[in-house]
């Protein structure tokens, strides 16, 4: 695990989710809307579990060193993904 906060909210940097090796961040809801969030899974895991609706706009998602950024949507749920930057490297 890292000394870096898993969830950081800053007026200058916005919202940042960090999942380093050993970290697992799980969001579980009927509906999730995220906009302008930096998500970094470097060795850890970021998981969104949604039953009805998932909307993601203008986000920056990256994973490396075995990290995972996963979205699970229940059968019959919907997803809207717009203008996201997604990077995956090993």
PDB file of N, CA and C in Angstrom:
ATOM      1  N   UNK A   1       0.836  -1.177   0.000  1.00  0.00           N
ATOM      2  CA  UNK A   1       0.000   0.000   0.000  1.00  0.00           C
ATOM      3  C   UNK A   1       0.882   1.243   0.000  1.00  0.00           C
ATOM      4  N   UNK A   2       0.303   2.346  -0.402  1.00  0.00           N
ATOM      5  CA  UNK A   2       1.026   3.591  -0.582  1.00  0.00           C
ATOM      6  C   UNK A   2       0.623   4.594   0.489  1.00  0.00           C
ATOM      7  N   UNK A   3       1.486   5.592   0.713  1.00  0.00           N
ATOM      8  CA  UNK A   3       1.139   6.693   1.616  1.00  0.00           C
ATOM      9  C   UNK A   3       0.209   7.686   0.935  1.00  0.00           C
ATOM     10  N   UNK A   4       0.082   7.584  -0.378  1.00  0.00           N
ATOM     11  CA  UNK A   4      -0.788   8.459  -1.156  1.00  0.00           C
ATOM     12  C   UNK A   4      -2.245   8.132  -0.816  1.00  0.00           C
ATOM     13  N   UNK A   5      -3.095   9.153  -0.650  1.00  0.00           N
ATOM     14  CA  UNK A   5      -4.500   8.863  -0.310  1.00  0.00           C
ATOM     15  C   UNK A   5      -5.213   8.107  -1.436  1.00  0.00           C
ATOM     16  N   UNK A   6      -6.109   7.204  -1.069  1.00  0.00           N
ATOM     17  CA  UNK A   6      -6.878   6.440  -2.050  1.00  0.00           C
ATOM     18  C   UNK A   6      -7.879   7.355  -2.744  1.00  0.00           C
ATOM     19  N   UNK A   7      -8.476   8.261  -2.013  1.00  0.00           N
ATOM     20  CA  UNK A   7      -9.425   9.222  -2.581  1.00  0.00           C
ATOM     21  C   UNK A   7      -8.982  10.619  -2.174  1.00  0.00           C
ATOM     22  N   UNK A   8      -8.761  11.467  -3.172  1.00  0.00           N
ATOM     23  CA  UNK A   8      -8.309  12.837  -2.916  1.00  0.00           C
ATOM     24  C   UNK A   8      -9.264  13.798  -3.607  1.00  0.00           C
ATOM     25  N   UNK A   9      -9.739  14.793  -2.857  1.00  0.00           N
ATOM     26  CA  UNK A   9     -10.608  15.823  -3.416  1.00  0.00           C
ATOM     27  C   UNK A   9      -9.919  17.162  -3.170  1.00  0.00           C
ATOM     28  N   UNK A  10      -9.594  17.846  -4.270  1.00  0.00           N
ATOM     29  CA  UNK A  10      -8.824  19.074  -4.183  1.00  0.00           C
ATOM     30  C   UNK A  10      -9.425  20.122  -5.116  1.00  0.00           C
ATOM     31  N   UNK A  11      -9.455  21.372  -4.674  1.00  0.00           N
ATOM     32  CA  UNK A  11     -10.002  22.424  -5.535  1.00  0.00           C
ATOM     33  C   UNK A  11      -9.134  22.638  -6.770  1.00  0.00           C
ATOM     34  N   UNK A  12      -7.837  22.397  -6.665  1.00  0.00           N
ATOM     35  CA  UNK A  12      -6.949  22.616  -7.813  1.00  0.00           C
ATOM     36  C   UNK A  12      -6.813  21.378  -8.705  1.00  0.00           C
ATOM     37  N   UNK A  13      -6.864  20.180  -8.129  1.00  0.00           N
ATOM     38  CA  UNK A  13      -6.660  18.948  -8.899  1.00  0.00           C
ATOM     39  C   UNK A  13      -7.949  18.193  -9.193  1.00  0.00           C
ATOM     40  N   UNK A  14      -9.037  18.535  -8.544  1.00  0.00           N
ATOM     41  CA  UNK A  14     -10.291  17.813  -8.722  1.00  0.00           C
ATOM     42  C   UNK A  14     -10.314  16.545  -7.879  1.00  0.00           C
ATOM     43  N   UNK A  15     -11.012  15.524  -8.379  1.00  0.00           N
ATOM     44  CA  UNK A  15     -11.140  14.251  -7.662  1.00  0.00           C
ATOM     45  C   UNK A  15     -10.178  13.235  -8.276  1.00  0.00           C
ATOM     46  N   UNK A  16      -9.417  12.578  -7.419  1.00  0.00           N
ATOM     47  CA  UNK A  16      -8.444  11.574  -7.864  1.00  0.00           C
ATOM     48  C   UNK A  16      -8.658  10.298  -7.048  1.00  0.00           C
ATOM     49  N   UNK A  17      -8.776   9.164  -7.758  1.00  0.00           N
ATOM     50  CA  UNK A  17      -8.868   7.855  -7.110  1.00  0.00           C
ATOM     51  C   UNK A  17      -7.565   7.120  -7.408  1.00  0.00           C
ATOM     52  N   UNK A  18      -6.836   6.728  -6.368  1.00  0.00           N
ATOM     53  CA  UNK A  18      -5.575   6.007  -6.514  1.00  0.00           C
ATOM     54  C   UNK A  18      -5.708   4.621  -5.907  1.00  0.00           C
ATOM     55  N   UNK A  19      -5.414   3.597  -6.679  1.00  0.00           N
ATOM     56  CA  UNK A  19      -5.413   2.225  -6.161  1.00  0.00           C
ATOM     57  C   UNK A  19      -4.028   1.645  -6.435  1.00  0.00           C
ATOM     58  N   UNK A  20      -3.180   1.681  -5.440  1.00  0.00           N
ATOM     59  CA  UNK A  20      -1.829   1.149  -5.566  1.00  0.00           C
ATOM     60  C   UNK A  20      -1.829  -0.330  -5.186  1.00  0.00           C
ATOM     61  N   UNK A  21      -0.701  -0.976  -5.319  1.00  0.00           N
ATOM     62  CA  UNK A  21      -0.593  -2.408  -5.026  1.00  0.00           C
ATOM     63  C   UNK A  21      -1.165  -2.706  -3.635  1.00  0.00           C
ATOM     64  N   UNK A  22      -2.101  -3.631  -3.589  1.00  0.00           N
ATOM     65  CA  UNK A  22      -2.740  -4.005  -2.336  1.00  0.00           C
ATOM     66  C   UNK A  22      -4.016  -3.237  -2.039  1.00  0.00           C
ATOM     67  N   UNK A  23      -4.272  -2.151  -2.782  1.00  0.00           N
ATOM     68  CA  UNK A  23      -5.482  -1.350  -2.566  1.00  0.00           C
ATOM     69  C   UNK A  23      -6.614  -1.855  -3.449  1.00  0.00           C
ATOM     70  N   UNK A  24      -7.836  -1.791  -2.940  1.00  0.00           N
ATOM     71  CA  UNK A  24      -9.022  -2.088  -3.730  1.00  0.00           C
ATOM     72  C   UNK A  24     -10.090  -1.065  -3.348  1.00  0.00           C
ATOM     73  N   UNK A  25     -10.563  -0.322  -4.343  1.00  0.00           N
ATOM     74  CA  UNK A  25     -11.582   0.701  -4.129  1.00  0.00           C
ATOM     75  C   UNK A  25     -12.846   0.227  -4.838  1.00  0.00           C
ATOM     76  N   UNK A  26     -13.954   0.114  -4.096  1.00  0.00           N
ATOM     77  CA  UNK A  26     -15.202  -0.403  -4.666  1.00  0.00           C
ATOM     78  C   UNK A  26     -16.309   0.630  -4.462  1.00  0.00           C
ATOM     79  N   UNK A  27     -17.013   0.950  -5.562  1.00  0.00           N
ATOM     80  CA  UNK A  27     -18.195   1.792  -5.526  1.00  0.00           C
ATOM     81  C   UNK A  27     -19.368   0.896  -5.907  1.00  0.00           C
ATOM     82  N   UNK A  28     -20.402   0.842  -5.080  1.00  0.00           N
ATOM     83  CA  UNK A  28     -21.528  -0.058  -5.299  1.00  0.00           C
ATOM     84  C   UNK A  28     -22.816   0.749  -5.148  1.00  0.00           C
ATOM     85  N   UNK A  29     -23.566   0.897  -6.254  1.00  0.00           N
ATOM     86  CA  UNK A  29     -24.779   1.717  -6.196  1.00  0.00           C
ATOM     87  C   UNK A  29     -25.739   1.347  -7.322  1.00  0.00           C
ATOM     88  N   UNK A  30     -26.979   1.820  -7.215  1.00  0.00           N
ATOM     89  CA  UNK A  30     -27.947   1.666  -8.307  1.00  0.00           C
ATOM     90  C   UNK A  30     -27.510   2.496  -9.506  1.00  0.00           C
ATOM     91  N   UNK A  31     -27.132   3.768  -9.232  1.00  0.00           N
ATOM     92  CA  UNK A  31     -26.721   4.687 -10.301  1.00  0.00           C
ATOM     93  C   UNK A  31     -25.413   5.363  -9.891  1.00  0.00           C
ATOM     94  N   UNK A  32     -24.498   5.464 -10.844  1.00  0.00           N
ATOM     95  CA  UNK A  32     -23.240   6.172 -10.610  1.00  0.00           C
ATOM     96  C   UNK A  32     -23.016   7.132 -11.768  1.00  0.00           C
ATOM     97  N   UNK A  33     -22.723   8.398 -11.452  1.00  0.00           N
ATOM     98  CA  UNK A  33     -22.370   9.403 -12.448  1.00  0.00           C
ATOM     99  C   UNK A  33     -21.049  10.017 -12.012  1.00  0.00           C
ATOM    100  N   UNK A  34     -20.025   9.892 -12.841  1.00  0.00           N
ATOM    101  CA  UNK A  34     -18.741  10.513 -12.525  1.00  0.00           C
ATOM    102  C   UNK A  34     -18.289  11.341 -13.715  1.00  0.00           C
ATOM    103  N   UNK A  35     -17.750  12.508 -13.399  1.00  0.00           N
ATOM    104  CA  UNK A  35     -17.318  13.428 -14.454  1.00  0.00           C
ATOM    105  C   UNK A  35     -16.028  14.115 -14.013  1.00  0.00           C
ATOM    106  N   UNK A  36     -15.018  14.078 -14.899  1.00  0.00           N
ATOM    107  CA  UNK A  36     -13.762  14.772 -14.629  1.00  0.00           C
ATOM    108  C   UNK A  36     -12.933  14.166 -13.515  1.00  0.00           C
ATOM    109  N   UNK A  37     -13.019  12.864 -13.327  1.00  0.00           N
ATOM    110  CA  UNK A  37     -12.299  12.178 -12.249  1.00  0.00           C
ATOM    111  C   UNK A  37     -11.079  11.460 -12.810  1.00  0.00           C
ATOM    112  N   UNK A  38      -9.942  11.620 -12.141  1.00  0.00           N
ATOM    113  CA  UNK A  38      -8.733  10.877 -12.511  1.00  0.00           C
ATOM    114  C   UNK A  38      -8.730   9.572 -11.721  1.00  0.00           C
ATOM    115  N   UNK A  39      -8.647   8.450 -12.427  1.00  0.00           N
ATOM    116  CA  UNK A  39      -8.651   7.132 -11.800  1.00  0.00           C
ATOM    117  C   UNK A  39      -7.342   6.428 -12.167  1.00  0.00           C
ATOM    118  N   UNK A  40      -6.541   6.077 -11.177  1.00  0.00           N
ATOM    119  CA  UNK A  40      -5.238   5.475 -11.418  1.00  0.00           C
ATOM    120  C   UNK A  40      -5.119   4.162 -10.643  1.00  0.00           C
ATOM    121  N   UNK A  41      -5.122   3.060 -11.369  1.00  0.00           N
ATOM    122  CA  UNK A  41      -4.973   1.730 -10.762  1.00  0.00           C
ATOM    123  C   UNK A  41      -3.577   1.205 -11.101  1.00  0.00           C
ATOM    124  N   UNK A  42      -2.594   1.576 -10.297  1.00  0.00           N
ATOM    125  CA  UNK A  42      -1.217   1.114 -10.494  1.00  0.00           C
ATOM    126  C   UNK A  42      -0.977  -0.035  -9.520  1.00  0.00           C
ATOM    127  N   UNK A  43      -1.300  -1.243  -9.977  1.00  0.00           N
ATOM    128  CA  UNK A  43      -1.137  -2.421  -9.139  1.00  0.00           C
ATOM    129  C   UNK A  43      -2.350  -2.759  -8.294  1.00  0.00           C
ATOM    130  N   UNK A  44      -3.275  -1.841  -8.139  1.00  0.00           N
ATOM    131  CA  UNK A  44      -4.479  -2.069  -7.343  1.00  0.00           C
ATOM    132  C   UNK A  44      -5.701  -2.236  -8.222  1.00  0.00           C
ATOM    133  N   UNK A  45      -6.873  -2.097  -7.616  1.00  0.00           N
ATOM    134  CA  UNK A  45      -8.115  -2.309  -8.365  1.00  0.00           C
ATOM    135  C   UNK A  45      -9.141  -1.232  -8.025  1.00  0.00           C
ATOM    136  N   UNK A  46      -9.773  -0.698  -9.078  1.00  0.00           N
ATOM    137  CA  UNK A  46     -10.902   0.222  -8.934  1.00  0.00           C
ATOM    138  C   UNK A  46     -12.102  -0.468  -9.569  1.00  0.00           C
ATOM    139  N   UNK A  47     -13.156  -0.649  -8.796  1.00  0.00           N
ATOM    140  CA  UNK A  47     -14.322  -1.409  -9.254  1.00  0.00           C
ATOM    141  C   UNK A  47     -15.593  -0.595  -9.050  1.00  0.00           C
ATOM    142  N   UNK A  48     -16.350  -0.435 -10.129  1.00  0.00           N
ATOM    143  CA  UNK A  48     -17.674   0.178 -10.067  1.00  0.00           C
ATOM    144  C   UNK A  48     -18.697  -0.924 -10.298  1.00  0.00           C
ATOM    145  N   UNK A  49     -19.581  -1.154  -9.314  1.00  0.00           N
ATOM    146  CA  UNK A  49     -20.649  -2.156  -9.428  1.00  0.00           C
ATOM    147  C   UNK A  49     -21.973  -1.396  -9.477  1.00  0.00           C
ATOM    148  N   UNK A  50     -22.660  -1.504 -10.621  1.00  0.00           N
ATOM    149  CA  UNK A  50     -23.859  -0.709 -10.852  1.00  0.00           C
ATOM    150  C   UNK A  50     -25.021  -1.617 -11.231  1.00  0.00           C
ATOM    151  N   UNK A  51     -26.200  -1.350 -10.664  1.00  0.00           N
ATOM    152  CA  UNK A  51     -27.351  -2.188 -11.000  1.00  0.00           C
ATOM    153  C   UNK A  51     -28.263  -1.551 -12.047  1.00  0.00           C
ATOM    154  N   UNK A  52     -28.288  -0.224 -12.155  1.00  0.00           N
ATOM    155  CA  UNK A  52     -29.222   0.422 -13.067  1.00  0.00           C
ATOM    156  C   UNK A  52     -28.547   1.248 -14.152  1.00  0.00           C
ATOM    157  N   UNK A  53     -27.706   2.226 -13.753  1.00  0.00           N
ATOM    158  CA  UNK A  53     -27.165   3.166 -14.736  1.00  0.00           C
ATOM    159  C   UNK A  53     -25.769   3.642 -14.325  1.00  0.00           C
ATOM    160  N   UNK A  54     -24.843   3.606 -15.293  1.00  0.00           N
ATOM    161  CA  UNK A  54     -23.474   4.079 -15.091  1.00  0.00           C
ATOM    162  C   UNK A  54     -23.168   5.116 -16.162  1.00  0.00           C
ATOM    163  N   UNK A  55     -22.821   6.334 -15.734  1.00  0.00           N
ATOM    164  CA  UNK A  55     -22.475   7.396 -16.672  1.00  0.00           C
ATOM    165  C   UNK A  55     -21.086   7.906 -16.301  1.00  0.00           C
ATOM    166  N   UNK A  56     -20.206   7.912 -17.288  1.00  0.00           N
ATOM    167  CA  UNK A  56     -18.838   8.372 -17.073  1.00  0.00           C
ATOM    168  C   UNK A  56     -18.476   9.329 -18.218  1.00  0.00           C
ATOM    169  N   UNK A  57     -18.136  10.584 -17.868  1.00  0.00           N
ATOM    170  CA  UNK A  57     -17.808  11.597 -18.878  1.00  0.00           C
ATOM    171  C   UNK A  57     -16.530  12.338 -18.480  1.00  0.00           C
ATOM    172  N   UNK A  58     -15.695  12.608 -19.475  1.00  0.00           N
ATOM    173  CA  UNK A  58     -14.497  13.438 -19.299  1.00  0.00           C
ATOM    174  C   UNK A  58     -13.583  12.951 -18.171  1.00  0.00           C
ATOM    175  N   UNK A  59     -13.399  11.657 -18.073  1.00  0.00           N
ATOM    176  CA  UNK A  59     -12.542  11.093 -17.043  1.00  0.00           C
ATOM    177  C   UNK A  59     -11.228  10.619 -17.646  1.00  0.00           C
ATOM    178  N   UNK A  60     -10.246  10.449 -16.793  1.00  0.00           N
ATOM    179  CA  UNK A  60      -8.946   9.920 -17.188  1.00  0.00           C
ATOM    180  C   UNK A  60      -8.717   8.653 -16.378  1.00  0.00           C
ATOM    181  N   UNK A  61      -8.681   7.511 -17.068  1.00  0.00           N
ATOM    182  CA  UNK A  61      -8.555   6.210 -16.407  1.00  0.00           C
ATOM    183  C   UNK A  61      -7.259   5.561 -16.856  1.00  0.00           C
ATOM    184  N   UNK A  62      -6.424   5.137 -15.913  1.00  0.00           N
ATOM    185  CA  UNK A  62      -5.192   4.448 -16.283  1.00  0.00           C
ATOM    186  C   UNK A  62      -4.971   3.253 -15.361  1.00  0.00           C
ATOM    187  N   UNK A  63      -4.384   2.200 -15.935  1.00  0.00           N
ATOM    188  CA  UNK A  63      -4.017   1.027 -15.141  1.00  0.00           C
ATOM    189  C   UNK A  63      -2.659   0.534 -15.624  1.00  0.00           C
ATOM    190  N   UNK A  64      -1.849   0.060 -14.681  1.00  0.00           N
ATOM    191  CA  UNK A  64      -0.528  -0.476 -15.002  1.00  0.00           C
ATOM    192  C   UNK A  64      -0.072  -1.393 -13.870  1.00  0.00           C
ATOM    193  N   UNK A  65       1.009  -2.100 -14.087  1.00  0.00           N
ATOM    194  CA  UNK A  65       1.585  -3.012 -13.085  1.00  0.00           C
ATOM    195  C   UNK A  65       0.560  -3.997 -12.536  1.00  0.00           C
ATOM    196  N   UNK A  66      -0.272  -4.533 -13.418  1.00  0.00           N
ATOM    197  CA  UNK A  66      -1.281  -5.510 -13.005  1.00  0.00           C
ATOM    198  C   UNK A  66      -2.535  -4.890 -12.410  1.00  0.00           C
ATOM    199  N   UNK A  67      -2.629  -3.574 -12.399  1.00  0.00           N
ATOM    200  CA  UNK A  67      -3.811  -2.903 -11.862  1.00  0.00           C
ATOM    201  C   UNK A  67      -5.010  -3.075 -12.785  1.00  0.00           C
ATOM    202  N   UNK A  68      -6.211  -2.894 -12.214  1.00  0.00           N
ATOM    203  CA  UNK A  68      -7.438  -3.078 -12.985  1.00  0.00           C
ATOM    204  C   UNK A  68      -8.427  -1.967 -12.676  1.00  0.00           C
ATOM    205  N   UNK A  69      -9.060  -1.452 -13.724  1.00  0.00           N
ATOM    206  CA  UNK A  69     -10.188  -0.533 -13.583  1.00  0.00           C
ATOM    207  C   UNK A  69     -11.379  -1.247 -14.221  1.00  0.00           C
ATOM    208  N   UNK A  70     -12.342  -1.654 -13.394  1.00  0.00           N
ATOM    209  CA  UNK A  70     -13.420  -2.534 -13.839  1.00  0.00           C
ATOM    210  C   UNK A  70     -14.783  -1.877 -13.591  1.00  0.00           C
ATOM    211  N   UNK A  71     -15.678  -2.061 -14.553  1.00  0.00           N
ATOM    212  CA  UNK A  71     -17.064  -1.638 -14.376  1.00  0.00           C
ATOM    213  C   UNK A  71     -17.956  -2.858 -14.575  1.00  0.00           C
ATOM    214  N   UNK A  72     -18.741  -3.201 -13.567  1.00  0.00           N
ATOM    215  CA  UNK A  72     -19.707  -4.302 -13.652  1.00  0.00           C
ATOM    216  C   UNK A  72     -21.108  -3.697 -13.646  1.00  0.00           C
ATOM    217  N   UNK A  73     -21.870  -4.001 -14.699  1.00  0.00           N
ATOM    218  CA  UNK A  73     -23.237  -3.498 -14.794  1.00  0.00           C
ATOM    219  C   UNK A  73     -24.186  -4.680 -14.797  1.00  0.00           C
ATOM    220  N   UNK A  74     -25.157  -4.644 -13.912  1.00  0.00           N
ATOM    221  CA  UNK A  74     -26.111  -5.748 -13.793  1.00  0.00           C
ATOM    222  C   UNK A  74     -26.866  -5.939 -15.099  1.00  0.00           C
ATOM    223  N   UNK A  75     -27.342  -7.150 -15.292  1.00  0.00           N
ATOM    224  CA  UNK A  75     -28.126  -7.482 -16.471  1.00  0.00           C
ATOM    225  C   UNK A  75     -29.309  -6.520 -16.583  1.00  0.00           C
ATOM    226  N   UNK A  76     -29.435  -5.846 -17.720  1.00  0.00           N
ATOM    227  CA  UNK A  76     -30.504  -4.881 -17.918  1.00  0.00           C
ATOM    228  C   UNK A  76     -30.109  -3.452 -17.588  1.00  0.00           C
ATOM    229  N   UNK A  77     -28.932  -3.257 -16.977  1.00  0.00           N
ATOM    230  CA  UNK A  77     -28.446  -1.911 -16.670  1.00  0.00           C
ATOM    231  C   UNK A  77     -27.869  -1.258 -17.919  1.00  0.00           C
ATOM    232  N   UNK A  78     -27.611   0.044 -17.849  1.00  0.00           N
ATOM    233  CA  UNK A  78     -27.084   0.749 -19.016  1.00  0.00           C
ATOM    234  C   UNK A  78     -25.817   1.511 -18.666  1.00  0.00           C
ATOM    235  N   UNK A  79     -25.012   1.798 -19.705  1.00  0.00           N
ATOM    236  CA  UNK A  79     -23.774   2.562 -19.526  1.00  0.00           C
ATOM    237  C   UNK A  79     -23.666   3.618 -20.613  1.00  0.00           C
ATOM    238  N   UNK A  80     -23.251   4.805 -20.217  1.00  0.00           N
ATOM    239  CA  UNK A  80     -22.952   5.878 -21.160  1.00  0.00           C
ATOM    240  C   UNK A  80     -21.522   6.316 -20.860  1.00  0.00           C
ATOM    241  N   UNK A  81     -20.644   6.183 -21.847  1.00  0.00           N
ATOM    242  CA  UNK A  81     -19.240   6.559 -21.698  1.00  0.00           C
ATOM    243  C   UNK A  81     -18.928   7.597 -22.766  1.00  0.00           C
ATOM    244  N   UNK A  82     -18.510   8.795 -22.356  1.00  0.00           N
ATOM    245  CA  UNK A  82     -18.239   9.871 -23.321  1.00  0.00           C
ATOM    246  C   UNK A  82     -16.953  10.602 -22.975  1.00  0.00           C
ATOM    247  N   UNK A  83     -16.147  10.849 -23.990  1.00  0.00           N
ATOM    248  CA  UNK A  83     -14.931  11.659 -23.895  1.00  0.00           C
ATOM    249  C   UNK A  83     -14.029  11.263 -22.734  1.00  0.00           C
ATOM    250  N   UNK A  84     -13.772   9.976 -22.582  1.00  0.00           N
ATOM    251  CA  UNK A  84     -12.879   9.485 -21.546  1.00  0.00           C
ATOM    252  C   UNK A  84     -11.528   9.153 -22.169  1.00  0.00           C
ATOM    253  N   UNK A  85     -10.463   9.310 -21.418  1.00  0.00           N
ATOM    254  CA  UNK A  85      -9.130   8.902 -21.836  1.00  0.00           C
ATOM    255  C   UNK A  85      -8.799   7.654 -21.034  1.00  0.00           C
ATOM    256  N   UNK A  86      -8.525   6.555 -21.747  1.00  0.00           N
ATOM    257  CA  UNK A  86      -8.246   5.285 -21.087  1.00  0.00           C
ATOM    258  C   UNK A  86      -6.875   4.784 -21.513  1.00  0.00           C
ATOM    259  N   UNK A  87      -6.007   4.502 -20.524  1.00  0.00           N
ATOM    260  CA  UNK A  87      -4.665   4.001 -20.788  1.00  0.00           C
ATOM    261  C   UNK A  87      -4.450   2.714 -19.998  1.00  0.00           C
ATOM    262  N   UNK A  88      -3.847   1.745 -20.663  1.00  0.00           N
ATOM    263  CA  UNK A  88      -3.514   0.484 -20.006  1.00  0.00           C
ATOM    264  C   UNK A  88      -2.111   0.102 -20.423  1.00  0.00           C
ATOM    265  N   UNK A  89      -1.226  -0.072 -19.464  1.00  0.00           N
ATOM    266  CA  UNK A  89       0.137  -0.491 -19.778  1.00  0.00           C
ATOM    267  C   UNK A  89       0.614  -1.464 -18.718  1.00  0.00           C
ATOM    268  N   UNK A  90       1.520  -2.304 -19.098  1.00  0.00           N
ATOM    269  CA  UNK A  90       2.070  -3.293 -18.155  1.00  0.00           C
ATOM    270  C   UNK A  90       3.476  -2.947 -17.772  1.00  0.00           C
TER     271      UNK A  90
END
